[in-house]
Structures are given as structure tokens and as C-alpha cells.
Amino acid sequence: MRKIKDNKPPITWLTTYSDLVTLLMVFFIFLISFGEVKKVKTQIILSAFSGKLGVKSGGEALVSTAEFQTLGQSFETLPSAKPENSLERSTNSYTAIFNPFVQSRRVRVVENERGTVISLFSDVFFEADSAKFDRENAREILENIRLLIDSPDFKGKVLIEGHSDNIPYQGTEFRDSWDLSLERAWVVFSELSALSSIYPFDESRVSLHGYGPTLPIEDNRSPEGRAYNRRVDIVLEAGR
């Protein structure tokens, strides 16, 4: 059989193109090897792009029917939070992380001289006059709190504080509102420590407190105010 010689010139650019693609792939692998993508930071970025971030000084809730969403007090039956002192303000990054839970009226996030305070409203997560906890309803919120506690950027102490309204305790399981508030703080601590994480939970950084009705954040003379006051605060101390 007679061979036919192909006189077409070689496609030299294809070799150069292949080399370029290979170099780009190596470059991006190199970048990824030096980067640590953190879930918390990713959530902050995504929230910023979705247009749901908003911060206002003085601790006032942001309320708008358009671009911004409600920040601050967030229990469904409660009114917007009253203005706090000048040291208290809604936290930008933490509000971004907890924005879905704030919008669903389950938590409140503020920052004051103590640090960042994440409030879990007892009427949402606990049965009345009980320390029985709705684990499934709180799981994603607690996972985000655990991420913040485990973050290398946070080196402070963690205070978990139970609070109640001024109505005397009506149940039989606990002695009074102080005992109930402390038990609820213990339950939240137990749930946080039981979550799986790449970091061990440093219990030496955590302290538990039950304050009963002694530290209200709203007026106990109204049902709405009392609902605000029934809460468990998780305080991430600042500057420690």
C-alpha cells in the first residue's frame, strides 16, 4: 500500500495552550494549599452578598420592608427592642451568621461592654417551667455558636447564663426560678459540649450562672417583656 505524505504544518499552538492550562491548574492548587476556608467566614461573605447585613449603633433594631432585615430582639410575640446604652450595638459579623435565626425570631444578638451576647429565648427552646430542651430546633444555632467558640480568633471566656421573668416558679421539679435558670444554662452547656468538632471543647473557659429574675432586659409588667426576660444568654467575652 502506498503511503501518502501529510504536508500539513504541525499544530504548535496546542502544546503551548496545554502548558498554560497545566500551569494555571498548578497555580490554583498552590493557592488552595495555603488557604483555610472557614465555615463562619464563608457564611459572613454569603450574607453580605445576599444584602442582608445591616448595623446601627446604639443597639437599636433595624426594621425595613426592603433591603434590611430585622436585627435585635427577635421573639415572634415580642415588640422591637428598645434603644440600649451607647456601648451596645448590633454586631455586624455575628448578626450575619445568625441572620436566618434572627429573622425566624428565635435569637437575639447584641454586643456590649461584656462582649457578644447571643440570647436563646426560653419560650422557643424550652417547655414551660421545665429544662426540657428542643434539641432539633436549636441544633443549627448551637453548631454556629460552637464554631465561634472554637475559632482561633476567639480566645476569651464563655459565660452561659440562665434568666427568668419575675413570675414565681409554678412547677415541682425545681426549688425556684434560680434553680430552673441554672439548670437551663447547664442544658445549653451540655448540648454545646456534645457537638462534634475538630477542636476539643475547653470546659475551663466556660462558666455557668443562674440569675433567675434579677437581670431583666425588659419590663416585667407586660407579657411581652416577660417573654424577653425568659432566656439563656451565651456571652463571648471581649478583650480577654
Protein backbone atom coordinates (compact mmCIF):
# COMPACT_ATOMS: atom_id res chain seq x y z
CA MET A 1 0.00 0.00 0.00
CA ARG A 2 1.35 3.40 -0.98
CA LYS A 3 1.82 5.85 1.91
CA ILE A 4 0.57 9.36 1.40
CA LYS A 5 2.71 12.01 2.99
CA ASP A 6 0.83 14.63 5.01
CA ASN A 7 2.31 18.03 4.34
CA LYS A 8 0.08 19.91 6.87
CA PRO A 9 2.09 22.00 9.32
CA PRO A 10 2.10 20.78 12.97
CA ILE A 11 -0.32 22.49 15.39
CA THR A 12 2.34 24.03 17.59
CA TRP A 13 -0.05 26.33 19.50
CA LEU A 14 -1.83 23.35 21.06
CA THR A 15 1.30 22.43 23.00
CA THR A 16 1.62 25.96 24.34
CA TYR A 17 -2.07 26.03 25.29
CA SER A 18 -1.80 22.73 27.16
CA ASP A 19 1.21 24.02 29.07
CA LEU A 20 -0.72 27.14 30.03
CA VAL A 21 -3.70 25.16 31.32
CA THR A 22 -1.39 22.94 33.35
CA LEU A 23 0.36 25.95 34.86
CA LEU A 24 -2.97 27.54 35.80
CA MET A 25 -4.12 24.35 37.46
CA VAL A 26 -0.89 24.14 39.47
CA PHE A 27 -1.25 27.81 40.42
CA PHE A 28 -4.75 27.37 41.83
CA ILE A 29 -3.78 24.19 43.68
CA PHE A 30 -0.91 26.16 45.19
CA LEU A 31 -3.30 28.89 46.35
CA ILE A 32 -5.74 26.42 47.84
CA SER A 33 -2.97 24.68 49.76
CA PHE A 34 -2.25 27.93 51.61
CA GLY A 35 -5.85 28.88 52.29
CA GLU A 36 -8.09 27.68 55.10
CA VAL A 37 -11.73 28.18 54.29
CA LYS A 38 -13.69 28.61 57.48
CA LYS A 39 -17.39 28.00 57.63
CA VAL A 40 -18.06 31.08 59.73
CA LYS A 41 -16.22 33.42 57.36
CA THR A 42 -17.95 31.85 54.37
CA GLN A 43 -21.34 32.50 55.94
CA ILE A 44 -20.42 36.11 56.59
CA ILE A 45 -19.42 36.61 52.95
CA LEU A 46 -22.57 34.93 51.64
CA SER A 47 -24.77 37.02 53.91
CA ALA A 48 -23.06 40.18 52.73
CA PHE A 49 -23.67 39.30 49.06
CA SER A 50 -27.32 38.48 49.77
CA GLY A 51 -27.85 42.03 51.02
CA LYS A 52 -28.97 41.04 54.50
CA LEU A 53 -26.33 42.77 56.57
CA GLY A 54 -27.16 45.88 58.50
CA VAL A 55 -25.66 47.59 61.52
CA LYS A 56 -26.88 50.52 63.55
CA SER A 57 -25.17 51.98 66.59
CA GLY A 58 -26.93 52.23 69.95
CA GLY A 59 -28.28 48.69 69.91
CA GLU A 60 -31.50 49.63 68.07
CA ALA A 61 -33.22 47.06 65.91
CA LEU A 62 -33.07 47.66 62.17
CA VAL A 63 -36.56 47.38 60.69
CA SER A 64 -37.27 47.75 56.99
CA THR A 65 -39.56 46.10 54.48
CA ALA A 66 -36.96 46.35 51.74
CA GLU A 67 -33.23 45.66 51.78
CA PHE A 68 -32.53 45.32 55.50
CA GLN A 69 -33.97 42.73 57.82
CA THR A 70 -34.86 42.94 61.48
CA LEU A 71 -31.89 42.75 63.83
CA GLY A 72 -32.08 42.85 67.62
CA GLN A 73 -34.92 41.38 69.66
CA SER A 74 -36.42 38.54 67.74
CA PHE A 75 -39.13 36.56 69.52
CA GLU A 76 -42.28 36.35 67.43
CA THR A 77 -44.71 37.71 70.04
CA LEU A 78 -42.41 40.49 71.19
CA PRO A 79 -42.04 44.12 70.04
CA SER A 80 -38.86 45.60 68.60
CA ALA A 81 -36.06 46.12 71.09
CA LYS A 82 -35.81 49.43 72.87
CA PRO A 83 -32.66 51.51 72.33
CA GLU A 84 -29.87 50.38 74.64
CA ASN A 85 -26.98 52.40 76.01
CA SER A 86 -24.28 53.80 73.74
CA LEU A 87 -21.99 50.83 74.39
CA GLU A 88 -24.48 48.30 72.99
CA ARG A 89 -24.85 47.73 69.27
CA SER A 90 -25.84 45.01 66.85
CA THR A 91 -22.82 43.01 65.80
CA ASN A 92 -22.03 43.01 62.09
CA SER A 93 -20.33 39.67 61.58
CA TYR A 94 -22.23 37.73 64.25
CA THR A 95 -25.55 39.08 63.02
CA ALA A 96 -24.60 37.87 59.54
CA ILE A 97 -24.00 34.37 60.89
CA PHE A 98 -27.22 34.28 62.91
CA ASN A 99 -29.34 36.32 60.48
CA PRO A 100 -31.61 33.39 59.48
CA PHE A 101 -32.33 32.63 63.15
CA VAL A 102 -32.89 36.30 63.97
CA GLN A 103 -35.36 36.54 61.08
CA SER A 104 -37.16 33.42 62.28
CA ARG A 105 -37.48 35.10 65.69
CA ARG A 106 -35.54 32.61 67.73
CA VAL A 107 -32.45 34.51 68.89
CA ARG A 108 -31.16 37.98 69.67
CA VAL A 109 -27.57 39.09 69.05
CA VAL A 110 -26.08 42.25 70.56
CA GLU A 111 -22.66 43.45 71.60
CA ASN A 112 -21.94 45.46 74.73
CA GLU A 113 -19.09 46.15 77.14
CA ARG A 114 -19.07 42.48 78.19
CA GLY A 115 -18.68 41.13 74.67
CA THR A 116 -21.12 39.47 72.27
CA VAL A 117 -24.37 38.24 73.81
CA ILE A 118 -26.37 35.58 71.95
CA SER A 119 -29.76 35.14 73.60
CA LEU A 120 -31.80 31.97 73.17
CA PHE A 121 -35.41 32.69 74.12
CA SER A 122 -36.67 30.06 76.52
CA ASP A 123 -40.21 30.07 75.13
CA VAL A 124 -38.78 28.82 71.82
CA PHE A 125 -36.37 26.16 73.09
CA PHE A 126 -37.73 25.02 76.48
CA GLU A 127 -41.04 23.74 77.72
CA ALA A 128 -42.78 25.99 80.22
CA ASP A 129 -41.39 25.71 83.79
CA SER A 130 -39.06 22.99 82.55
CA ALA A 131 -35.47 22.38 81.48
CA LYS A 132 -36.59 20.01 78.71
CA PHE A 133 -34.75 21.29 75.65
CA ASP A 134 -35.82 21.21 71.99
CA ARG A 135 -32.53 19.85 70.64
CA GLU A 136 -33.52 19.64 66.99
CA ASN A 137 -34.88 23.18 66.90
CA ALA A 138 -31.63 24.51 68.40
CA ARG A 139 -29.06 22.27 66.72
CA GLU A 140 -28.01 24.56 63.87
CA ILE A 141 -27.86 27.59 66.15
CA LEU A 142 -25.67 25.75 68.66
CA GLU A 143 -23.44 24.48 65.87
CA ASN A 144 -22.78 28.06 64.79
CA ILE A 145 -22.09 29.13 68.38
CA ARG A 146 -19.68 26.21 68.76
CA LEU A 147 -17.87 27.32 65.59
CA LEU A 148 -17.41 30.79 67.06
CA ILE A 149 -16.13 29.39 70.35
CA ASP A 150 -13.71 27.04 68.58
CA SER A 151 -12.46 29.73 66.20
CA PRO A 152 -8.74 30.52 66.65
CA ASP A 153 -9.75 34.20 66.53
CA PHE A 154 -11.71 33.87 69.78
CA LYS A 155 -9.62 33.40 72.91
CA GLY A 156 -11.97 34.74 75.57
CA LYS A 157 -14.16 33.21 78.23
CA VAL A 158 -17.67 31.89 77.63
CA LEU A 159 -20.47 32.66 80.09
CA ILE A 160 -23.73 30.73 79.85
CA GLU A 161 -26.40 32.47 81.89
CA GLY A 162 -29.97 31.43 82.59
CA HIS A 163 -32.65 34.07 83.24
CA SER A 164 -36.34 34.10 84.08
CA ASP A 165 -39.16 36.61 84.46
CA ASN A 166 -40.49 37.76 87.84
CA ILE A 167 -43.40 35.31 87.98
CA PRO A 168 -42.75 32.81 90.80
CA TYR A 169 -41.89 29.31 89.63
CA GLN A 170 -45.05 27.16 89.48
CA GLY A 171 -43.58 23.72 88.83
CA THR A 172 -42.44 20.98 91.18
CA GLU A 173 -39.19 19.82 89.55
CA PHE A 174 -37.10 22.76 90.79
CA ARG A 175 -36.99 24.74 94.00
CA ASP A 176 -37.43 28.18 92.43
CA SER A 177 -36.66 30.30 89.35
CA TRP A 178 -32.96 30.45 90.21
CA ASP A 179 -32.66 26.67 90.12
CA LEU A 180 -34.60 26.47 86.86
CA SER A 181 -32.49 29.18 85.18
CA LEU A 182 -29.25 27.48 86.25
CA GLU A 183 -30.45 24.09 85.01
CA ARG A 184 -31.33 25.60 81.64
CA ALA A 185 -27.84 27.10 81.42
CA TRP A 186 -26.40 23.65 82.23
CA VAL A 187 -28.51 22.02 79.50
CA VAL A 188 -27.25 24.50 76.88
CA PHE A 189 -23.68 23.91 78.02
CA SER A 190 -24.14 20.15 77.76
CA GLU A 191 -25.55 20.42 74.25
CA LEU A 192 -22.68 22.66 73.12
CA SER A 193 -20.00 20.39 74.55
CA ALA A 194 -21.61 17.29 72.98
CA LEU A 195 -21.39 18.66 69.43
CA SER A 196 -18.75 17.10 67.23
CA SER A 197 -15.87 19.39 66.28
CA ILE A 198 -12.30 19.20 65.08
CA TYR A 199 -11.37 21.07 68.24
CA PRO A 200 -11.82 19.68 71.77
CA PHE A 201 -14.25 21.67 73.90
CA ASP A 202 -12.25 23.57 76.50
CA GLU A 203 -14.55 23.44 79.52
CA SER A 204 -12.11 25.52 81.58
CA ARG A 205 -13.14 28.57 79.56
CA VAL A 206 -16.83 28.15 80.39
CA SER A 207 -18.75 29.26 83.49
CA LEU A 208 -22.44 28.71 84.24
CA HIS A 209 -24.77 31.08 86.07
CA GLY A 210 -28.42 31.08 87.06
CA TYR A 211 -29.71 34.58 87.76
CA GLY A 212 -33.44 33.92 88.00
CA PRO A 213 -35.41 37.17 87.66
CA THR A 214 -32.63 39.50 88.86
CA LEU A 215 -31.31 40.71 85.47
CA PRO A 216 -34.28 41.57 83.24
CA ILE A 217 -33.71 43.21 79.87
CA GLU A 218 -37.34 44.34 79.51
CA ASP A 219 -40.19 45.47 81.74
CA ASN A 220 -41.76 42.52 83.55
CA ARG A 221 -45.10 44.30 83.79
CA SER A 222 -46.10 43.15 80.29
CA PRO A 223 -46.34 39.62 78.84
CA GLU A 224 -44.03 40.70 76.01
CA GLY A 225 -41.40 41.98 78.43
CA ARG A 226 -41.54 38.80 80.50
CA ALA A 227 -41.09 36.71 77.34
CA TYR A 228 -37.92 38.68 76.56
CA ASN A 229 -36.60 38.03 80.04
CA ARG A 230 -37.06 34.25 79.87
CA ARG A 231 -33.82 33.44 78.08
CA VAL A 232 -30.40 31.79 78.15
CA ASP A 233 -27.56 34.18 77.27
CA ILE A 234 -24.31 32.89 75.79
CA VAL A 235 -21.73 35.61 76.35
CA LEU A 236 -18.49 35.55 74.34
CA GLU A 237 -16.33 37.85 76.42
CA ALA A 238 -14.46 40.60 74.60
CA GLY A 239 -10.86 41.63 75.03
CA ARG A 240 -9.84 38.72 77.22
